[in-house]
């Protein structure tokens, strides 16, 4: 195993990524169950398919809980003007007594753009617009009015109201490419290491970028950029585990994932995007991955809440 990344060793915390389908009763029950089981955060994607809209759904979850933090993996900068999103997130932070995490990305799912008619610009354009959007959101949270003149947005003497309770809410930026990861290392409180999604869909190229070696390189980019900015100690490292099987028969589960992803069994077993095995093995794997990559904030899917609970109970806050 490669030498550990020189990142701070933070305590573990865990989140649940949920689509938010169904009615209010099932949604609030999930939020309360996640909170009671020891998960730190409830997050949602931001897509146009079969899911609830994240802002009102997360506020509903906030109203049903008292400690659960609320975020998105991630809000797509192209779907809302950053001034609008900043106002909504600040309002949520006020109404939740300071439990919002701000996740923002450049957008990647081509089907969202095609169905909505939003222009699907080249990746570099979307990333540039996202970088401006994040700076606008941070400025809107800060005291007093601000003016911003960029390539994509112009803001004039705007004082974002309300101001969030948190000063400011923590920012999560997830990235799979060097430019976004470098920006995240310079600006984010939480950095999510993502697969590469340049194809605009989840396909074989996505899984090919989930190898342990690919993650080594992505974390190296973060470490180098954060070191240059003297920010290593400010960063919490995050990973969304997409392939979770809590099972006493990991070989069968890995075979299933091999057929689904087209990746090798060895790649899946070593990837931080996969958690396969009984709780004791997952506990060991997560501790090793924290040592190697700094991953202390781990998010699983809504269908994994109960099965993964023994791992949360063993590792949360340690």
Protein backbone atom coordinates (compact mmCIF):
# COMPACT_ATOMS: atom_id res chain seq x y z
CA UNK A 1 0.00 0.00 0.00
CA UNK A 2 1.32 3.50 -0.81
CA UNK A 3 2.39 5.80 1.99
CA UNK A 4 -0.38 7.63 3.79
CA UNK A 5 -1.39 11.01 2.40
CA UNK A 6 -0.27 13.89 4.68
CA UNK A 7 -3.84 14.82 5.58
CA UNK A 8 -5.22 15.40 9.08
CA UNK A 9 -6.66 12.29 10.71
CA UNK A 10 -10.23 13.39 11.36
CA UNK A 11 -12.89 11.40 13.26
CA UNK A 12 -15.25 9.36 11.14
CA UNK A 13 -18.70 10.58 10.28
CA UNK A 14 -21.25 9.08 7.94
CA UNK A 15 -23.96 10.28 5.61
CA UNK A 16 -26.88 8.88 3.65
CA UNK A 17 -27.51 9.79 0.01
CA UNK A 18 -31.25 9.54 -0.72
CA UNK A 19 -33.33 10.22 -3.82
CA UNK A 20 -36.36 11.31 -1.83
CA UNK A 21 -39.03 9.42 -3.70
CA UNK A 22 -42.34 8.58 -2.10
CA UNK A 23 -44.54 10.56 0.27
CA UNK A 24 -43.85 12.79 3.25
CA UNK A 25 -44.28 10.00 5.79
CA UNK A 26 -41.68 7.74 4.18
CA UNK A 27 -39.26 10.62 3.63
CA UNK A 28 -39.40 11.90 7.21
CA UNK A 29 -39.18 8.34 8.54
CA UNK A 30 -35.94 7.85 6.61
CA UNK A 31 -34.52 11.10 7.98
CA UNK A 32 -35.42 10.22 11.56
CA UNK A 33 -34.03 6.68 11.18
CA UNK A 34 -30.75 8.00 9.78
CA UNK A 35 -30.44 10.44 12.67
CA UNK A 36 -31.30 7.82 15.29
CA UNK A 37 -28.80 5.37 13.79
CA UNK A 38 -25.95 7.83 14.13
CA UNK A 39 -25.54 9.18 10.62
CA UNK A 40 -24.34 12.77 10.52
CA UNK A 41 -25.85 13.94 7.26
CA UNK A 42 -28.68 13.38 4.80
CA UNK A 43 -27.76 14.33 1.24
CA UNK A 44 -29.59 14.28 -2.09
CA UNK A 45 -28.65 14.38 -5.76
CA UNK A 46 -29.83 17.27 -7.93
CA UNK A 47 -31.29 15.78 -11.11
CA UNK A 48 -34.49 16.03 -13.11
CA UNK A 49 -35.48 12.37 -12.91
CA UNK A 50 -37.63 10.57 -10.36
CA UNK A 51 -36.66 12.34 -7.16
CA UNK A 52 -37.94 15.11 -4.94
CA UNK A 53 -36.46 18.57 -5.42
CA UNK A 54 -33.59 18.80 -2.93
CA UNK A 55 -34.20 22.21 -1.34
CA UNK A 56 -37.79 21.64 -0.12
CA UNK A 57 -37.15 17.96 0.60
CA UNK A 58 -34.11 18.68 2.73
CA UNK A 59 -35.98 21.40 4.61
CA UNK A 60 -38.73 18.87 5.30
CA UNK A 61 -36.09 16.47 6.65
CA UNK A 62 -34.66 19.26 8.80
CA UNK A 63 -38.09 19.94 10.28
CA UNK A 64 -38.44 16.23 11.17
CA UNK A 65 -35.06 16.00 12.94
CA UNK A 66 -32.94 17.96 15.39
CA UNK A 67 -29.26 17.14 14.73
CA UNK A 68 -29.14 15.70 11.21
CA UNK A 69 -27.19 17.86 8.79
CA UNK A 70 -28.56 18.49 5.29
CA UNK A 71 -26.71 18.74 2.01
CA UNK A 72 -26.60 17.85 -1.65
CA UNK A 73 -24.25 15.70 -3.69
CA UNK A 74 -24.37 18.12 -5.33
CA UNK A 75 -26.40 21.11 -6.46
CA UNK A 76 -25.76 21.67 -10.16
CA UNK A 77 -24.59 25.25 -10.68
CA UNK A 78 -26.30 25.40 -14.08
CA UNK A 79 -29.78 24.67 -12.73
CA UNK A 80 -30.13 27.81 -10.58
CA UNK A 81 -28.53 31.21 -10.63
CA UNK A 82 -26.05 31.29 -7.72
CA UNK A 83 -27.77 34.29 -6.12
CA UNK A 84 -31.02 32.30 -6.02
CA UNK A 85 -29.35 29.17 -4.66
CA UNK A 86 -27.44 31.18 -2.06
CA UNK A 87 -30.67 32.71 -0.78
CA UNK A 88 -32.36 29.30 -0.58
CA UNK A 89 -29.41 27.71 1.23
CA UNK A 90 -29.10 30.59 3.69
CA UNK A 91 -32.84 30.35 4.39
CA UNK A 92 -32.49 26.61 5.02
CA UNK A 93 -29.60 27.27 7.38
CA UNK A 94 -31.71 29.73 9.34
CA UNK A 95 -34.73 27.42 9.48
CA UNK A 96 -32.65 24.38 10.45
CA UNK A 97 -30.72 26.25 13.18
CA UNK A 98 -27.46 25.94 11.27
CA UNK A 99 -27.42 22.42 9.83
CA UNK A 100 -26.76 23.06 6.11
CA UNK A 101 -23.77 21.79 4.16
CA UNK A 102 -23.28 23.44 0.76
CA UNK A 103 -22.40 20.99 -2.01
CA UNK A 104 -21.94 22.48 -5.48
CA UNK A 105 -20.76 21.08 -8.80
CA UNK A 106 -20.41 22.00 -12.45
CA UNK A 107 -23.05 19.55 -13.72
CA UNK A 108 -22.38 16.38 -15.65
CA UNK A 109 -25.51 14.33 -16.49
CA UNK A 110 -26.18 15.00 -20.16
CA UNK A 111 -29.75 13.65 -20.02
CA UNK A 112 -30.72 16.42 -17.57
CA UNK A 113 -29.54 19.04 -20.02
CA UNK A 114 -31.16 17.39 -23.02
CA UNK A 115 -34.53 16.99 -21.33
CA UNK A 116 -34.58 20.50 -19.86
CA UNK A 117 -33.13 22.35 -22.82
CA UNK A 118 -30.37 23.85 -20.69
CA UNK A 119 -27.27 24.21 -22.89
CA UNK A 120 -24.73 21.45 -22.24
CA UNK A 121 -21.58 23.49 -22.67
CA UNK A 122 -18.08 22.06 -22.91
CA UNK A 123 -16.66 20.84 -19.58
CA UNK A 124 -14.25 23.77 -19.31
CA UNK A 125 -17.09 26.27 -19.67
CA UNK A 126 -19.25 24.52 -17.09
CA UNK A 127 -16.35 24.37 -14.65
CA UNK A 128 -15.55 28.06 -15.14
CA UNK A 129 -19.19 28.96 -14.52
CA UNK A 130 -19.26 26.73 -11.42
CA UNK A 131 -16.13 28.40 -10.02
CA UNK A 132 -17.75 31.80 -10.43
CA UNK A 133 -20.98 30.48 -8.92
CA UNK A 134 -19.24 29.19 -5.81
CA UNK A 135 -17.50 32.51 -5.29
CA UNK A 136 -20.83 34.33 -5.61
CA UNK A 137 -22.50 32.02 -3.08
CA UNK A 138 -19.69 32.54 -0.58
CA UNK A 139 -19.87 36.31 -1.10
CA UNK A 140 -23.66 36.28 -0.59
CA UNK A 141 -23.17 34.51 2.75
CA UNK A 142 -20.60 37.06 3.93
CA UNK A 143 -21.46 40.31 5.75
CA UNK A 144 -22.35 43.31 3.63
CA UNK A 145 -22.97 43.88 -0.07
CA UNK A 146 -20.62 42.75 -2.83
CA UNK A 147 -20.05 43.26 -6.54
CA UNK A 148 -18.77 40.58 -8.89
CA UNK A 149 -17.83 40.87 -12.55
CA UNK A 150 -16.98 37.56 -14.19
CA UNK A 151 -17.15 35.93 -17.59
CA UNK A 152 -20.51 34.33 -16.80
CA UNK A 153 -22.10 36.38 -14.01
CA UNK A 154 -22.33 40.03 -13.07
CA UNK A 155 -23.52 40.92 -9.57
CA UNK A 156 -23.87 44.56 -8.53
CA UNK A 157 -24.01 45.83 -4.95
CA UNK A 158 -25.91 42.77 -3.72
CA UNK A 159 -26.27 42.00 -0.02
CA UNK A 160 -27.51 38.44 0.35
CA UNK A 161 -30.32 38.10 2.87
CA UNK A 162 -30.90 36.27 5.10
CA UNK A 163 -27.41 35.54 6.30
CA UNK A 164 -26.84 31.91 7.35
CA UNK A 165 -26.61 30.94 11.01
CA UNK A 166 -23.27 29.24 10.39
CA UNK A 167 -20.50 31.69 9.58
CA UNK A 168 -20.33 30.36 6.97
CA UNK A 169 -21.89 26.94 6.24
CA UNK A 170 -19.25 24.35 5.28
CA UNK A 171 -18.70 23.92 1.55
CA UNK A 172 -18.36 20.53 -0.13
CA UNK A 173 -16.86 20.33 -3.61
CA UNK A 174 -16.57 16.98 -5.32
CA UNK A 175 -14.28 16.46 -8.26
CA UNK A 176 -12.74 13.88 -10.52
CA UNK A 177 -10.48 16.08 -12.64
CA UNK A 178 -7.39 18.17 -11.82
CA UNK A 179 -8.98 21.61 -12.27
CA UNK A 180 -11.94 21.03 -9.95
CA UNK A 181 -9.84 19.17 -7.39
CA UNK A 182 -7.31 22.01 -7.33
CA UNK A 183 -10.07 24.58 -6.86
CA UNK A 184 -11.62 22.42 -4.13
CA UNK A 185 -8.28 22.23 -2.32
CA UNK A 186 -8.12 26.03 -2.36
CA UNK A 187 -11.74 26.78 -1.42
CA UNK A 188 -13.67 23.84 0.08
CA UNK A 189 -14.06 22.64 3.64
CA UNK A 190 -14.99 19.15 2.45
CA UNK A 191 -13.51 17.55 -0.68
CA UNK A 192 -15.31 14.65 -2.28
CA UNK A 193 -13.17 12.44 -4.49
CA UNK A 194 -15.33 11.47 -7.45
CA UNK A 195 -15.10 9.19 -10.41
CA UNK A 196 -14.54 10.79 -13.80
CA UNK A 197 -17.87 11.66 -15.45
CA UNK A 198 -16.78 13.36 -18.65
CA UNK A 199 -18.95 11.03 -20.75
CA UNK A 200 -22.07 12.59 -19.23
CA UNK A 201 -23.38 9.23 -17.99
CA UNK A 202 -22.42 6.41 -15.66
CA UNK A 203 -20.71 3.86 -17.91
CA UNK A 204 -17.60 1.69 -18.09
CA UNK A 205 -15.36 4.76 -18.18
CA UNK A 206 -16.81 5.83 -14.84
CA UNK A 207 -15.93 2.56 -13.13
CA UNK A 208 -12.49 2.54 -14.76
CA UNK A 209 -11.73 5.79 -12.90
CA UNK A 210 -12.63 4.28 -9.51
CA UNK A 211 -9.41 2.29 -9.10
CA UNK A 212 -7.27 2.69 -6.01
CA UNK A 213 -4.45 3.97 -8.22
CA UNK A 214 -6.71 6.63 -9.78
CA UNK A 215 -7.74 7.76 -6.30
CA UNK A 216 -4.07 7.97 -5.29
CA UNK A 217 -3.54 10.47 -8.10
CA UNK A 218 -6.68 12.51 -7.30
CA UNK A 219 -5.69 12.75 -3.63
CA UNK A 220 -2.16 13.75 -4.64
CA UNK A 221 -3.59 16.68 -6.60
CA UNK A 222 -5.58 17.76 -3.54
CA UNK A 223 -2.59 17.43 -1.21
CA UNK A 224 -0.30 19.40 -3.51
CA UNK A 225 -2.79 22.22 -4.05
CA UNK A 226 -3.85 22.37 -0.40
CA UNK A 227 -0.23 22.40 0.74
CA UNK A 228 0.55 25.28 -1.61
CA UNK A 229 -2.40 27.18 -0.13
CA UNK A 230 -1.51 26.20 3.48
CA UNK A 231 -4.93 24.56 3.85
CA UNK A 232 -4.23 20.89 4.58
CA UNK A 233 -5.49 21.11 8.15
CA UNK A 234 -8.75 22.76 7.01
CA UNK A 235 -9.87 19.90 4.76
CA UNK A 236 -12.21 16.98 5.46
CA UNK A 237 -11.96 14.20 2.86
CA UNK A 238 -15.17 12.58 1.62
CA UNK A 239 -16.08 9.60 -0.51
CA UNK A 240 -19.49 8.38 -1.65
CA UNK A 241 -19.47 4.56 -1.54
CA UNK A 242 -21.60 3.54 -4.52
CA UNK A 243 -21.13 -0.22 -4.18
CA UNK A 244 -22.12 -1.34 -0.68
CA UNK A 245 -22.80 -4.96 0.23
CA UNK A 246 -22.81 -5.76 3.94
CA UNK A 247 -22.55 -9.51 3.67
CA UNK A 248 -20.85 -12.64 4.99
CA UNK A 249 -20.41 -13.76 1.36
CA UNK A 250 -18.27 -11.03 -0.21
CA UNK A 251 -17.13 -13.23 -3.10
CA UNK A 252 -20.66 -13.55 -4.44
CA UNK A 253 -21.29 -9.84 -4.00
CA UNK A 254 -18.09 -8.96 -5.84
CA UNK A 255 -19.06 -11.33 -8.67
CA UNK A 256 -22.33 -9.42 -8.97
CA UNK A 257 -20.46 -6.13 -9.14
CA UNK A 258 -18.04 -7.50 -11.74
CA UNK A 259 -20.97 -8.36 -13.99
CA UNK A 260 -22.60 -4.96 -13.41
CA UNK A 261 -19.53 -2.75 -13.83
CA UNK A 262 -17.27 -4.68 -16.16
CA UNK A 263 -14.42 -4.08 -13.71
CA UNK A 264 -12.20 -6.78 -12.26
CA UNK A 265 -12.77 -8.37 -8.87
CA UNK A 266 -9.38 -7.08 -7.73
CA UNK A 267 -10.23 -3.51 -8.71
CA UNK A 268 -13.55 -3.60 -6.88
CA UNK A 269 -12.05 -5.08 -3.73
CA UNK A 270 -9.43 -2.30 -3.57
CA UNK A 271 -11.64 0.63 -4.61
CA UNK A 272 -12.73 3.11 -1.92
CA UNK A 273 -16.02 3.44 -3.81
CA UNK A 274 -16.87 -0.15 -2.78
CA UNK A 275 -17.61 -1.54 0.68
CA UNK A 276 -18.10 -5.29 0.49
CA UNK A 277 -18.01 -7.77 3.35
CA UNK A 278 -19.18 -8.24 6.94
CA UNK A 279 -19.10 -5.28 9.34
CA UNK A 280 -15.74 -6.26 10.86
CA UNK A 281 -14.08 -6.19 7.44
CA UNK A 282 -15.70 -2.90 6.49
CA UNK A 283 -14.45 -1.35 9.74
CA UNK A 284 -10.91 -2.45 8.91
CA UNK A 285 -11.21 -1.28 5.30
CA UNK A 286 -12.44 2.17 6.31
CA UNK A 287 -9.64 2.62 8.83
CA UNK A 288 -7.06 1.64 6.21
CA UNK A 289 -8.63 4.01 3.66
CA UNK A 290 -8.58 6.86 6.13
CA UNK A 291 -4.87 6.23 6.66
CA UNK A 292 -4.18 6.05 2.90
CA UNK A 293 -6.47 8.74 1.50
CA UNK A 294 -7.80 10.70 4.45
CA UNK A 295 -11.40 9.56 3.92
CA UNK A 296 -13.18 10.19 7.20
CA UNK A 297 -16.57 11.33 5.85
CA UNK A 298 -18.22 8.37 4.13
CA UNK A 299 -21.64 8.44 2.46
CA UNK A 300 -23.69 5.36 1.62
CA UNK A 301 -27.06 4.94 -0.08
CA UNK A 302 -30.50 5.05 1.49
CA UNK A 303 -30.91 1.28 1.04
CA UNK A 304 -27.79 0.72 3.14
CA UNK A 305 -28.91 2.60 6.27
CA UNK A 306 -29.79 -0.41 8.41
CA UNK A 307 -27.25 -2.93 7.13
CA UNK A 308 -24.40 -0.44 7.51
CA UNK A 309 -25.54 0.68 10.99
CA UNK A 310 -23.08 -1.58 12.91
CA UNK A 311 -20.19 0.11 11.10
CA UNK A 312 -21.56 3.55 11.98
CA UNK A 313 -21.96 2.51 15.61
CA UNK A 314 -18.37 1.24 15.76
CA UNK A 315 -16.61 4.10 13.97
CA UNK A 316 -18.60 7.34 14.25
CA UNK A 317 -16.61 10.04 16.06
CA UNK A 318 -13.54 7.80 16.45
